[in-house]
C-alpha atoms as a PDB file:
ATOM      1  CA  MET A   1     -12.775 -45.150   9.471  1.00  0.00           C
ATOM      2  CA  VAL A   2     -11.392 -45.945  12.926  1.00  0.00           C
ATOM      3  CA  ALA A   3     -13.498 -49.103  13.212  1.00  0.00           C
ATOM      4  CA  LYS A   4     -12.450 -50.115   9.703  1.00  0.00           C
ATOM      5  CA  LEU A   5      -8.795 -49.622  10.541  1.00  0.00           C
ATOM      6  CA  GLN A   6      -9.103 -51.831  13.621  1.00  0.00           C
ATOM      7  CA  GLU A   7     -10.917 -54.475  11.583  1.00  0.00           C
ATOM      8  CA  ILE A   8      -8.221 -54.446   8.916  1.00  0.00           C
ATOM      9  CA  VAL A   9      -5.472 -54.643  11.553  1.00  0.00           C
ATOM     10  CA  GLU A  10      -7.110 -57.718  13.048  1.00  0.00           C
ATOM     11  CA  LYS A  11      -7.633 -59.361   9.652  1.00  0.00           C
ATOM     12  CA  SER A  12      -4.135 -58.399   8.472  1.00  0.00           C
ATOM     13  CA  THR A  13      -5.260 -57.303   4.997  1.00  0.00           C
ATOM     14  CA  LYS A  14      -1.881 -55.843   4.140  1.00  0.00           C
ATOM     15  CA  LEU A  15      -2.481 -53.986   0.879  1.00  0.00           C
ATOM     16  CA  VAL A  16      -5.702 -52.378   2.107  1.00  0.00           C
ATOM     17  CA  LEU A  17      -4.062 -51.385   5.372  1.00  0.00           C
ATOM     18  CA  GLU A  18      -1.166 -49.752   3.510  1.00  0.00           C
ATOM     19  CA  GLN A  19      -3.680 -47.635   1.607  1.00  0.00           C
ATOM     20  CA  VAL A  20      -5.608 -46.729   4.765  1.00  0.00           C
ATOM     21  CA  VAL A  21      -2.436 -45.705   6.585  1.00  0.00           C
ATOM     22  CA  THR A  22      -1.347 -43.545   3.649  1.00  0.00           C
ATOM     23  CA  SER A  23      -4.791 -41.889   3.625  1.00  0.00           C
ATOM     24  CA  ILE A  24      -4.624 -41.101   7.351  1.00  0.00           C
ATOM     25  CA  ALA A  25      -1.165 -39.561   6.898  1.00  0.00           C
ATOM     26  CA  SER A  26      -2.403 -37.408   4.027  1.00  0.00           C
ATOM     27  CA  VAL A  27      -5.448 -36.187   5.956  1.00  0.00           C
ATOM     28  CA  ALA A  28      -3.406 -35.399   9.075  1.00  0.00           C
ATOM     29  CA  ASP A  29      -0.736 -33.574   7.079  1.00  0.00           C
ATOM     30  CA  THR A  30      -3.387 -31.446   5.388  1.00  0.00           C
ATOM     31  CA  ALA A  31      -5.649 -30.833   8.382  1.00  0.00           C
ATOM     32  CA  GLU A  32      -2.805 -30.044  10.825  1.00  0.00           C
ATOM     33  CA  GLU A  33      -4.224 -28.826  14.180  1.00  0.00           C
ATOM     34  CA  LYS A  34      -7.768 -29.679  13.051  1.00  0.00           C
ATOM     35  CA  PHE A  35      -6.742 -33.346  13.285  1.00  0.00           C
ATOM     36  CA  VAL A  36      -6.174 -33.128  17.059  1.00  0.00           C
ATOM     37  CA  PRO A  37      -9.658 -34.511  17.995  1.00  0.00           C
ATOM     38  CA  TYR A  38      -8.982 -37.623  15.903  1.00  0.00           C
ATOM     39  CA  CYS A  39      -5.424 -38.373  17.013  1.00  0.00           C
ATOM     40  CA  ASP A  40      -6.446 -40.551  19.978  1.00  0.00           C
ATOM     41  CA  LEU A  41      -8.813 -42.539  17.768  1.00  0.00           C
ATOM     42  CA  PHE A  42      -6.200 -43.634  15.272  1.00  0.00           C
ATOM     43  CA  MET A  43      -2.980 -43.748  17.269  1.00  0.00           C
ATOM     44  CA  PRO A  44      -3.547 -47.007  19.220  1.00  0.00           C
ATOM     45  CA  SER A  45      -4.086 -48.993  16.015  1.00  0.00           C
ATOM     46  CA  LEU A  46      -1.131 -47.323  14.303  1.00  0.00           C
ATOM     47  CA  LYS A  47       1.160 -48.095  17.237  1.00  0.00           C
ATOM     48  CA  HIS A  48      -0.156 -51.665  17.237  1.00  0.00           C
ATOM     49  CA  VAL A  49       1.049 -52.067  13.633  1.00  0.00           C
ATOM     50  CA  VAL A  50       4.513 -50.688  14.442  1.00  0.00           C
ATOM     51  CA  GLU A  51       4.878 -52.869  17.531  1.00  0.00           C
ATOM     52  CA  ASN A  52       3.612 -56.108  16.025  1.00  0.00           C
ATOM     53  CA  GLY A  53       4.230 -55.830  12.281  1.00  0.00           C
ATOM     54  CA  VAL A  54       7.779 -57.152  12.473  1.00  0.00           C
ATOM     55  CA  GLN A  55       7.513 -59.898   9.856  1.00  0.00           C
ATOM     56  CA  LYS A  56       9.517 -59.408   6.665  1.00  0.00           C
ATOM     57  CA  GLU A  57       6.417 -59.306   4.482  1.00  0.00           C
ATOM     58  CA  LEU A  58       5.091 -56.394   6.560  1.00  0.00           C
ATOM     59  CA  GLN A  59       8.190 -54.179   6.286  1.00  0.00           C
ATOM     60  CA  LEU A  60       6.618 -51.764   3.804  1.00  0.00           C
ATOM     61  CA  LEU A  61       3.425 -51.536   5.851  1.00  0.00           C
ATOM     62  CA  ARG A  62       5.415 -50.862   9.015  1.00  0.00           C
ATOM     63  CA  GLY A  63       7.454 -48.182   7.238  1.00  0.00           C
ATOM     64  CA  LYS A  64       4.335 -46.442   5.951  1.00  0.00           C
ATOM     65  CA  THR A  65       2.815 -46.603   9.442  1.00  0.00           C
ATOM     66  CA  ILE A  66       5.931 -45.043  10.971  1.00  0.00           C
ATOM     67  CA  GLU A  67       5.633 -42.263   8.394  1.00  0.00           C
ATOM     68  CA  CYS A  68       1.937 -41.819   9.226  1.00  0.00           C
ATOM     69  CA  ILE A  69       2.594 -41.536  12.959  1.00  0.00           C
ATOM     70  CA  SER A  70       5.380 -38.988  12.544  1.00  0.00           C
ATOM     71  CA  LEU A  71       3.320 -36.874  10.126  1.00  0.00           C
ATOM     72  CA  THR A  72       0.406 -37.012  12.563  1.00  0.00           C
ATOM     73  CA  GLY A  73       2.725 -35.870  15.335  1.00  0.00           C
ATOM     74  CA  LEU A  74       3.828 -32.859  13.322  1.00  0.00           C
ATOM     75  CA  ALA A  75       0.207 -32.066  12.528  1.00  0.00           C
ATOM     76  CA  VAL A  76      -1.157 -32.145  16.091  1.00  0.00           C
ATOM     77  CA  GLY A  77       1.886 -30.631  17.811  1.00  0.00           C
ATOM     78  CA  LYS A  78       4.241 -31.483  20.645  1.00  0.00           C
ATOM     79  CA  ASP A  79       1.827 -31.148  23.576  1.00  0.00           C
ATOM     80  CA  LYS A  80      -0.735 -33.529  22.107  1.00  0.00           C
ATOM     81  CA  PHE A  81       1.765 -35.993  20.699  1.00  0.00           C
ATOM     82  CA  MET A  82       4.336 -36.166  23.509  1.00  0.00           C
ATOM     83  CA  GLN A  83       3.317 -39.491  25.091  1.00  0.00           C
ATOM     84  CA  ASP A  84       2.797 -41.208  21.762  1.00  0.00           C
ATOM     85  CA  ALA A  85       6.126 -39.821  20.586  1.00  0.00           C
ATOM     86  CA  SER A  86       7.923 -41.422  23.541  1.00  0.00           C
ATOM     87  CA  ASP A  87       6.260 -44.785  22.868  1.00  0.00           C
ATOM     88  CA  VAL A  88       7.055 -44.734  19.156  1.00  0.00           C
ATOM     89  CA  MET A  89      10.640 -43.594  19.674  1.00  0.00           C
ATOM     90  CA  GLN A  90      11.237 -46.549  21.974  1.00  0.00           C
ATOM     91  CA  LEU A  91       9.953 -48.896  19.262  1.00  0.00           C
ATOM     92  CA  LEU A  92      12.165 -47.236  16.646  1.00  0.00           C
ATOM     93  CA  LEU A  93      15.214 -47.391  18.885  1.00  0.00           C
ATOM     94  CA  LYS A  94      14.553 -51.085  19.531  1.00  0.00           C
ATOM     95  CA  THR A  95      14.355 -51.719  15.781  1.00  0.00           C
ATOM     96  CA  GLN A  96      17.462 -49.724  15.039  1.00  0.00           C
ATOM     97  CA  MET A  97      19.574 -51.433  17.673  1.00  0.00           C
ATOM     98  CA  ASN A  98      18.638 -54.799  16.151  1.00  0.00           C
ATOM     99  CA  SER A  99      20.686 -54.560  12.955  1.00  0.00           C
ATOM    100  CA  ASN A 100      19.220 -57.836  11.667  1.00  0.00           C
ATOM    101  CA  GLU A 101      15.900 -56.041  11.169  1.00  0.00           C
ATOM    102  CA  LEU A 102      17.445 -53.385   8.935  1.00  0.00           C
ATOM    103  CA  GLU A 103      19.357 -55.270   6.275  1.00  0.00           C
ATOM    104  CA  ASP A 104      20.171 -53.536   3.000  1.00  0.00           C
ATOM    105  CA  GLY A 105      17.084 -53.067   0.867  1.00  0.00           C
ATOM    106  CA  ASN A 106      14.673 -52.976   3.793  1.00  0.00           C
ATOM    107  CA  PRO A 107      11.954 -50.480   2.761  1.00  0.00           C
ATOM    108  CA  GLN A 108      11.585 -49.311   6.371  1.00  0.00           C
ATOM    109  CA  ILE A 109      14.949 -47.546   6.285  1.00  0.00           C
ATOM    110  CA  SER A 110      13.965 -44.426   4.333  1.00  0.00           C
ATOM    111  CA  TYR A 111      10.706 -44.111   6.290  1.00  0.00           C
ATOM    112  CA  MET A 112      12.563 -44.347   9.597  1.00  0.00           C
ATOM    113  CA  ILE A 113      15.196 -41.795   8.567  1.00  0.00           C
ATOM    114  CA  SER A 114      12.480 -39.280   7.704  1.00  0.00           C
ATOM    115  CA  ALA A 115      10.479 -40.122  10.824  1.00  0.00           C
ATOM    116  CA  TRP A 116      13.473 -39.437  13.079  1.00  0.00           C
ATOM    117  CA  ALA A 117      13.826 -35.993  11.501  1.00  0.00           C
ATOM    118  CA  ARG A 118      10.148 -35.252  12.180  1.00  0.00           C
ATOM    119  CA  MET A 119      10.604 -36.414  15.774  1.00  0.00           C
ATOM    120  CA  CYS A 120      13.508 -33.982  15.994  1.00  0.00           C
ATOM    121  CA  LYS A 121      11.267 -31.133  14.809  1.00  0.00           C
ATOM    122  CA  ILE A 122       8.562 -32.148  17.302  1.00  0.00           C
ATOM    123  CA  ARG A 123      10.791 -32.571  20.356  1.00  0.00           C
ATOM    124  CA  GLY A 124      13.355 -29.887  19.593  1.00  0.00           C
ATOM    125  CA  LYS A 125      16.448 -29.900  21.772  1.00  0.00           C
ATOM    126  CA  GLU A 126      15.088 -32.857  23.768  1.00  0.00           C
ATOM    127  CA  PHE A 127      15.903 -34.976  20.713  1.00  0.00           C
ATOM    128  CA  GLN A 128      19.638 -34.464  21.248  1.00  0.00           C
ATOM    129  CA  GLN A 129      19.754 -37.438  23.626  1.00  0.00           C
ATOM    130  CA  CYS A 130      18.783 -39.731  20.715  1.00  0.00           C
ATOM    131  CA  LEU A 131      21.665 -38.659  18.464  1.00  0.00           C
ATOM    132  CA  PRO A 132      24.204 -41.263  19.704  1.00  0.00           C
ATOM    133  CA  VAL A 133      21.887 -44.019  18.475  1.00  0.00           C
ATOM    134  CA  VAL A 134      20.535 -42.317  15.369  1.00  0.00           C
ATOM    135  CA  MET A 135      23.692 -40.765  13.919  1.00  0.00           C
ATOM    136  CA  GLY A 136      25.761 -43.903  13.336  1.00  0.00           C
ATOM    137  CA  TRP A 137      23.017 -45.484  11.282  1.00  0.00           C
ATOM    138  CA  LEU A 138      22.292 -42.217   9.459  1.00  0.00           C
ATOM    139  CA  MET A 139      25.941 -41.683   8.520  1.00  0.00           C
ATOM    140  CA  LYS A 140      26.206 -45.273   7.289  1.00  0.00           C
ATOM    141  CA  THR A 141      23.227 -44.692   4.999  1.00  0.00           C
ATOM    142  CA  ALA A 142      24.644 -41.393   3.744  1.00  0.00           C
ATOM    143  CA  LEU A 143      27.889 -43.213   2.826  1.00  0.00           C
ATOM    144  CA  ILE A 144      26.172 -45.714   0.510  1.00  0.00           C
ATOM    145  CA  LYS A 145      28.177 -46.042  -2.710  1.00  0.00           C
ATOM    146  CA  PRO A 146      26.419 -46.956  -5.953  1.00  0.00           C
ATOM    147  CA  GLU A 147      27.470 -50.084  -7.795  1.00  0.00           C
ATOM    148  CA  MET A 148      28.879 -49.158 -11.212  1.00  0.00           C
ATOM    149  CA  ALA A 149      30.021 -51.109 -14.250  1.00  0.00           C
ATOM    150  CA  LEU A 150      31.544 -50.262 -17.639  1.00  0.00           C
ATOM    151  CA  LEU A 151      29.567 -52.236 -20.193  1.00  0.00           C
ATOM    152  CA  ASP A 152      29.634 -52.966 -23.875  1.00  0.00           C
ATOM    153  CA  THR A 153      26.530 -53.610 -25.956  1.00  0.00           C
ATOM    154  CA  GLN A 154      26.590 -57.345 -25.295  1.00  0.00           C
ATOM    155  CA  ASP A 155      26.871 -56.884 -21.514  1.00  0.00           C
ATOM    156  CA  MET A 156      23.885 -54.532 -21.475  1.00  0.00           C
ATOM    157  CA  GLY A 157      21.754 -57.285 -22.938  1.00  0.00           C
ATOM    158  CA  ASN A 158      22.148 -59.183 -19.674  1.00  0.00           C
ATOM    159  CA  MET A 159      21.089 -56.251 -17.496  1.00  0.00           C
ATOM    160  CA  SER A 160      17.807 -54.416 -17.144  1.00  0.00           C
ATOM    161  CA  GLU A 161      16.561 -51.076 -15.851  1.00  0.00           C
ATOM    162  CA  ASP A 162      13.881 -53.093 -14.087  1.00  0.00           C
ATOM    163  CA  ASP A 163      16.654 -54.460 -11.849  1.00  0.00           C
ATOM    164  CA  GLY A 164      17.523 -50.949 -10.693  1.00  0.00           C
ATOM    165  CA  TRP A 165      20.183 -50.115 -13.281  1.00  0.00           C
ATOM    166  CA  GLU A 166      20.439 -46.871 -15.233  1.00  0.00           C
ATOM    167  CA  PHE A 167      22.735 -46.470 -18.217  1.00  0.00           C
ATOM    168  CA  VAL A 168      24.741 -43.561 -19.610  1.00  0.00           C
ATOM    169  CA  ASN A 169      25.927 -43.905 -23.211  1.00  0.00           C
ATOM    170  CA  LEU A 170      29.662 -43.169 -23.453  1.00  0.00           C
ATOM    171  CA  GLY A 171      29.969 -43.783 -27.202  1.00  0.00           C
ATOM    172  CA  ASP A 172      32.067 -46.425 -28.982  1.00  0.00           C
ATOM    173  CA  GLN A 173      29.413 -49.009 -28.040  1.00  0.00           C
ATOM    174  CA  GLN A 174      30.136 -48.549 -24.353  1.00  0.00           C
ATOM    175  CA  SER A 175      27.874 -47.446 -21.520  1.00  0.00           C
ATOM    176  CA  LEU A 176      28.269 -46.738 -17.817  1.00  0.00           C
ATOM    177  CA  GLY A 177      25.808 -48.724 -15.736  1.00  0.00           C
ATOM    178  CA  ILE A 178      24.789 -47.325 -12.354  1.00  0.00           C
ATOM    179  CA  LYS A 179      22.712 -49.350  -9.905  1.00  0.00           C
ATOM    180  CA  THR A 180      20.441 -46.795  -8.298  1.00  0.00           C
ATOM    181  CA  ALA A 181      19.178 -48.966  -5.443  1.00  0.00           C
ATOM    182  CA  GLY A 182      19.975 -47.168  -2.194  1.00  0.00           C
ATOM    183  CA  LEU A 183      20.538 -43.741  -3.744  1.00  0.00           C
ATOM    184  CA  GLY A 184      17.114 -42.569  -2.573  1.00  0.00           C
ATOM    185  CA  GLN A 185      18.012 -43.583   0.975  1.00  0.00           C
ATOM    186  CA  LYS A 186      21.380 -41.846   0.627  1.00  0.00           C
ATOM    187  CA  ALA A 187      19.652 -38.644  -0.514  1.00  0.00           C
ATOM    188  CA  THR A 188      17.159 -38.814   2.364  1.00  0.00           C
ATOM    189  CA  ALA A 189      19.970 -39.353   4.879  1.00  0.00           C
ATOM    190  CA  CYS A 190      21.814 -36.257   3.601  1.00  0.00           C
ATOM    191  CA  GLN A 191      18.628 -34.204   3.863  1.00  0.00           C
ATOM    192  CA  MET A 192      18.103 -35.375   7.438  1.00  0.00           C
ATOM    193  CA  LEU A 193      21.638 -34.438   8.469  1.00  0.00           C
ATOM    194  CA  VAL A 194      20.852 -30.910   7.326  1.00  0.00           C
ATOM    195  CA  CYS A 195      17.581 -31.034   9.257  1.00  0.00           C
ATOM    196  CA  TYR A 196      19.322 -32.083  12.498  1.00  0.00           C
ATOM    197  CA  ALA A 197      21.895 -29.310  12.149  1.00  0.00           C
ATOM    198  CA  LYS A 198      19.163 -26.688  11.615  1.00  0.00           C
ATOM    199  CA  GLU A 199      16.895 -27.912  14.393  1.00  0.00           C
ATOM    200  CA  LEU A 200      19.473 -28.717  17.090  1.00  0.00           C
ATOM    201  CA  LYS A 201      22.005 -25.970  16.296  1.00  0.00           C
ATOM    202  CA  GLU A 202      24.707 -26.166  18.996  1.00  0.00           C
ATOM    203  CA  GLY A 203      23.287 -29.515  20.075  1.00  0.00           C
ATOM    204  CA  PHE A 204      24.621 -30.927  16.796  1.00  0.00           C
ATOM    205  CA  ALA A 205      28.130 -29.494  17.329  1.00  0.00           C
ATOM    206  CA  GLU A 206      29.638 -32.839  18.351  1.00  0.00           C
ATOM    207  CA  TYR A 207      28.799 -34.274  14.930  1.00  0.00           C
ATOM    208  CA  THR A 208      29.614 -31.245  12.766  1.00  0.00           C
ATOM    209  CA  GLU A 209      33.141 -32.283  11.768  1.00  0.00           C
ATOM    210  CA  GLN A 210      32.011 -35.810  10.928  1.00  0.00           C
ATOM    211  CA  ALA A 211      29.103 -34.516   8.836  1.00  0.00           C
ATOM    212  CA  VAL A 212      31.269 -31.990   6.955  1.00  0.00           C
ATOM    213  CA  LYS A 213      33.858 -34.655   6.065  1.00  0.00           C
ATOM    214  CA  LEU A 214      31.059 -36.783   4.630  1.00  0.00           C
ATOM    215  CA  MET A 215      29.261 -34.027   2.762  1.00  0.00           C
ATOM    216  CA  VAL A 216      32.025 -32.021   1.074  1.00  0.00           C
ATOM    217  CA  PRO A 217      33.042 -34.861  -1.320  1.00  0.00           C
ATOM    218  CA  LEU A 218      29.363 -35.330  -2.209  1.00  0.00           C
ATOM    219  CA  LEU A 219      29.328 -31.890  -3.868  1.00  0.00           C
ATOM    220  CA  LYS A 220      30.805 -33.798  -6.819  1.00  0.00           C
ATOM    221  CA  PHE A 221      28.361 -36.712  -6.585  1.00  0.00           C
ATOM    222  CA  TYR A 222      26.994 -36.476 -10.131  1.00  0.00           C
ATOM    223  CA  PHE A 223      24.713 -39.505  -9.991  1.00  0.00           C
ATOM    224  CA  HIS A 224      21.915 -37.851  -7.982  1.00  0.00           C
ATOM    225  CA  ASN A 225      20.923 -34.176  -8.114  1.00  0.00           C
ATOM    226  CA  GLY A 226      19.048 -34.348  -4.803  1.00  0.00           C
ATOM    227  CA  ILE A 227      22.176 -35.384  -2.937  1.00  0.00           C
ATOM    228  CA  ARG A 228      24.215 -32.470  -4.306  1.00  0.00           C
ATOM    229  CA  VAL A 229      21.436 -30.016  -3.481  1.00  0.00           C
ATOM    230  CA  SER A 230      21.232 -31.292   0.125  1.00  0.00           C
ATOM    231  CA  VAL A 231      24.947 -31.101   0.844  1.00  0.00           C
ATOM    232  CA  ALA A 232      25.299 -27.670  -0.751  1.00  0.00           C
END
């Protein structure tokens, strides 16, 4: 499998590589500490994808690879993963500080948000030094507001659920259209804020007031159950 991964990386067979990366993540997540002997076999190729897969068409692959690395880190533990964690965090910080790489709709965003939370669990209080970079971007994502429109029957004919819209029938031939793009990222960001607070405890104190101001209004965010559950 290792040789195959390296071959696919070199040939840049994107769809196959996405499937391989997802498989590695699943195996590592299930095997946990039993995956330790295999970590050094896979990690160089995975880091190669994150470092070099910066083209727009590889954004999903890079996001899945970031997820795979962070899940592997949780599986094998801090001692085994420490050096790789430092390398990957530097790559993530470089990406995050280049805002042009993370435009709205970039599929890497949700993967990176979750990966940062796993890095926090792995590194514990050492992760506190990353908060000044991570929090601004995380709060921005948590503040995403859905696009909404009041529509009549004729207007709905020009819009489609395939374009990311969901519709609520209000009666009298009117519906409320809600564009759900970004709501998944918003929900993930809220979950990760909770994760940081739990893991870092007093190390998160500087951001507590800011997080509370963001989260309290979201208790009435009726467009996504996951968001309300997280902030509660």
